[in-house]
Amino acid sequence: MEKKKYYVNIGTQEISQIPYGANTEFVIEATDEEIFLLREKFNEIHDADMSAFVRAHIPYMPYHNDPQNDKYDSGMKGVYQMIYNLADSETKKAMDEENIGREF
């Protein structure tokens, strides 16, 4: 399958082939299937974030004993790892300099 260039913003969970605004945070080269998998990871993070939001209103449950937050954290690590694996050379270099995405 042919790889295409995509622009990814983790904060907004945006994946686009058109660079505009703040969506050029990460540049990756991916197949349609890889983009589908990345979108699935973003959806999982969104679901975990909503669960953590609901849980946050229960004052007696500390953060470190919260499976929703663990799921969110795990999902974020997976997203960064996938972006690192698909990153173009310039993005990968920038991620290496910031120690992002390696060895999660």
C-alpha atoms as a PDB file:
ATOM      1  CA  MET A   1       0.000   0.000   0.000  1.00  0.00           C
ATOM      2  CA  GLU A   2       1.091   3.520  -0.753  1.00  0.00           C
ATOM      3  CA  LYS A   3       2.115   5.776   2.120  1.00  0.00           C
ATOM      4  CA  LYS A   4       0.888   9.347   2.181  1.00  0.00           C
ATOM      5  CA  LYS A   5       1.952  12.345   4.238  1.00  0.00           C
ATOM      6  CA  TYR A   6      -0.275  13.267   7.171  1.00  0.00           C
ATOM      7  CA  TYR A   7      -0.172  16.028   9.758  1.00  0.00           C
ATOM      8  CA  VAL A   8      -1.101  15.071  13.313  1.00  0.00           C
ATOM      9  CA  ASN A   9      -2.012  17.173  16.339  1.00  0.00           C
ATOM     10  CA  ILE A  10      -2.358  15.107  19.491  1.00  0.00           C
ATOM     11  CA  GLY A  11      -4.143  17.801  21.509  1.00  0.00           C
ATOM     12  CA  THR A  12      -6.998  18.068  19.037  1.00  0.00           C
ATOM     13  CA  GLN A  13      -6.623  14.449  17.866  1.00  0.00           C
ATOM     14  CA  GLU A  14      -6.518  15.739  14.313  1.00  0.00           C
ATOM     15  CA  ILE A  15      -5.128  13.744  11.398  1.00  0.00           C
ATOM     16  CA  SER A  16      -5.061  15.626   8.087  1.00  0.00           C
ATOM     17  CA  GLN A  17      -3.369  15.562   4.706  1.00  0.00           C
ATOM     18  CA  ILE A  18      -3.595  19.352   4.576  1.00  0.00           C
ATOM     19  CA  PRO A  19      -1.264  21.429   6.758  1.00  0.00           C
ATOM     20  CA  TYR A  20      -3.008  24.339   8.434  1.00  0.00           C
ATOM     21  CA  GLY A  21      -3.134  25.995  11.818  1.00  0.00           C
ATOM     22  CA  ALA A  22      -1.548  23.938  14.562  1.00  0.00           C
ATOM     23  CA  ASN A  23      -1.984  20.556  12.913  1.00  0.00           C
ATOM     24  CA  THR A  24       1.659  20.287  11.870  1.00  0.00           C
ATOM     25  CA  GLU A  25       2.804  19.212  15.339  1.00  0.00           C
ATOM     26  CA  PHE A  26       3.857  15.824  13.923  1.00  0.00           C
ATOM     27  CA  VAL A  27       4.369  14.804  10.290  1.00  0.00           C
ATOM     28  CA  ILE A  28       3.976  11.119   9.504  1.00  0.00           C
ATOM     29  CA  GLU A  29       3.936   8.920   6.426  1.00  0.00           C
ATOM     30  CA  ALA A  30       1.301   6.212   6.649  1.00  0.00           C
ATOM     31  CA  THR A  31      -0.955   3.890   4.719  1.00  0.00           C
ATOM     32  CA  ASP A  32      -4.743   4.124   4.941  1.00  0.00           C
ATOM     33  CA  GLU A  33      -4.716   1.133   7.301  1.00  0.00           C
ATOM     34  CA  GLU A  34      -2.160   2.762   9.606  1.00  0.00           C
ATOM     35  CA  ILE A  35      -4.245   5.939   9.724  1.00  0.00           C
ATOM     36  CA  PHE A  36      -7.283   3.848  10.613  1.00  0.00           C
ATOM     37  CA  LEU A  37      -5.328   2.282  13.503  1.00  0.00           C
ATOM     38  CA  LEU A  38      -4.122   5.698  14.694  1.00  0.00           C
ATOM     39  CA  ARG A  39      -7.707   7.010  14.592  1.00  0.00           C
ATOM     40  CA  GLU A  40      -8.782   3.977  16.656  1.00  0.00           C
ATOM     41  CA  LYS A  41      -6.110   4.823  19.242  1.00  0.00           C
ATOM     42  CA  PHE A  42      -7.387   8.408  19.394  1.00  0.00           C
ATOM     43  CA  ASN A  43     -10.940   7.094  19.884  1.00  0.00           C
ATOM     44  CA  GLU A  44      -9.779   4.861  22.742  1.00  0.00           C
ATOM     45  CA  ILE A  45      -8.051   7.833  24.386  1.00  0.00           C
ATOM     46  CA  HIS A  46     -11.207   9.915  24.026  1.00  0.00           C
ATOM     47  CA  ASP A  47     -13.323   7.195  25.638  1.00  0.00           C
ATOM     48  CA  ALA A  48     -10.839   6.800  28.510  1.00  0.00           C
ATOM     49  CA  ASP A  49     -10.743  10.569  28.969  1.00  0.00           C
ATOM     50  CA  MET A  50     -14.540  10.721  29.265  1.00  0.00           C
ATOM     51  CA  SER A  51     -14.501   7.884  31.820  1.00  0.00           C
ATOM     52  CA  ALA A  52     -11.793   9.661  33.821  1.00  0.00           C
ATOM     53  CA  PHE A  53     -13.842  12.879  33.718  1.00  0.00           C
ATOM     54  CA  VAL A  54     -16.829  11.097  35.237  1.00  0.00           C
ATOM     55  CA  ARG A  55     -14.600   9.424  37.828  1.00  0.00           C
ATOM     56  CA  ALA A  56     -13.036  12.762  38.746  1.00  0.00           C
ATOM     57  CA  HIS A  57     -16.281  13.734  40.406  1.00  0.00           C
ATOM     58  CA  ILE A  58     -15.883  10.919  42.944  1.00  0.00           C
ATOM     59  CA  PRO A  59     -13.664  12.557  45.566  1.00  0.00           C
ATOM     60  CA  TYR A  60     -12.681   9.454  47.528  1.00  0.00           C
ATOM     61  CA  MET A  61     -10.944   7.666  44.627  1.00  0.00           C
ATOM     62  CA  PRO A  62      -7.285   8.754  44.300  1.00  0.00           C
ATOM     63  CA  TYR A  63      -5.663   9.156  40.882  1.00  0.00           C
ATOM     64  CA  HIS A  64      -3.119   6.403  41.401  1.00  0.00           C
ATOM     65  CA  ASN A  65      -5.903   3.832  42.008  1.00  0.00           C
ATOM     66  CA  ASP A  66      -7.867   4.766  38.922  1.00  0.00           C
ATOM     67  CA  PRO A  67      -8.013   2.297  35.997  1.00  0.00           C
ATOM     68  CA  GLN A  68      -9.563   4.949  33.706  1.00  0.00           C
ATOM     69  CA  ASN A  69      -6.481   7.135  34.072  1.00  0.00           C
ATOM     70  CA  ASP A  70      -4.239   4.116  33.541  1.00  0.00           C
ATOM     71  CA  LYS A  71      -6.095   3.352  30.305  1.00  0.00           C
ATOM     72  CA  TYR A  72      -5.739   6.973  29.164  1.00  0.00           C
ATOM     73  CA  ASP A  73      -2.011   7.012  29.986  1.00  0.00           C
ATOM     74  CA  SER A  74      -1.474   3.712  28.194  1.00  0.00           C
ATOM     75  CA  GLY A  75      -3.375   5.000  25.164  1.00  0.00           C
ATOM     76  CA  MET A  76      -1.268   8.165  25.018  1.00  0.00           C
ATOM     77  CA  LYS A  77       1.924   6.118  25.132  1.00  0.00           C
ATOM     78  CA  GLY A  78       0.598   3.990  22.269  1.00  0.00           C
ATOM     79  CA  VAL A  79      -0.216   7.057  20.181  1.00  0.00           C
ATOM     80  CA  TYR A  80       3.225   8.579  20.703  1.00  0.00           C
ATOM     81  CA  GLN A  81       4.885   5.259  19.883  1.00  0.00           C
ATOM     82  CA  MET A  82       2.851   4.870  16.684  1.00  0.00           C
ATOM     83  CA  ILE A  83       3.582   8.455  15.628  1.00  0.00           C
ATOM     84  CA  TYR A  84       7.280   7.899  16.297  1.00  0.00           C
ATOM     85  CA  ASN A  85       7.248   4.735  14.185  1.00  0.00           C
ATOM     86  CA  LEU A  86       5.496   6.513  11.283  1.00  0.00           C
ATOM     87  CA  ALA A  87       7.271   9.870  11.601  1.00  0.00           C
ATOM     88  CA  ASP A  88       9.189  11.416   8.736  1.00  0.00           C
ATOM     89  CA  SER A  89      12.900  11.989   9.350  1.00  0.00           C
ATOM     90  CA  GLU A  90      12.516  15.590  10.550  1.00  0.00           C
ATOM     91  CA  THR A  91       9.729  14.725  12.997  1.00  0.00           C
ATOM     92  CA  LYS A  92      11.597  11.677  14.262  1.00  0.00           C
ATOM     93  CA  LYS A  93      14.699  13.803  14.853  1.00  0.00           C
ATOM     94  CA  ALA A  94      12.664  16.369  16.813  1.00  0.00           C
ATOM     95  CA  MET A  95      11.031  13.592  18.847  1.00  0.00           C
ATOM     96  CA  ASP A  96      14.454  12.078  19.573  1.00  0.00           C
ATOM     97  CA  GLU A  97      15.717  15.446  20.799  1.00  0.00           C
ATOM     98  CA  GLU A  98      12.747  15.731  23.154  1.00  0.00           C
ATOM     99  CA  ASN A  99      12.923  12.015  24.081  1.00  0.00           C
ATOM    100  CA  ILE A 100       9.329  11.456  22.920  1.00  0.00           C
ATOM    101  CA  GLY A 101       8.043   8.196  21.568  1.00  0.00           C
ATOM    102  CA  ARG A 102      11.002   5.935  22.118  1.00  0.00           C
ATOM    103  CA  GLU A 103      10.848   2.917  24.362  1.00  0.00           C
ATOM    104  CA  PHE A 104       7.377   3.262  25.782  1.00  0.00           C
END
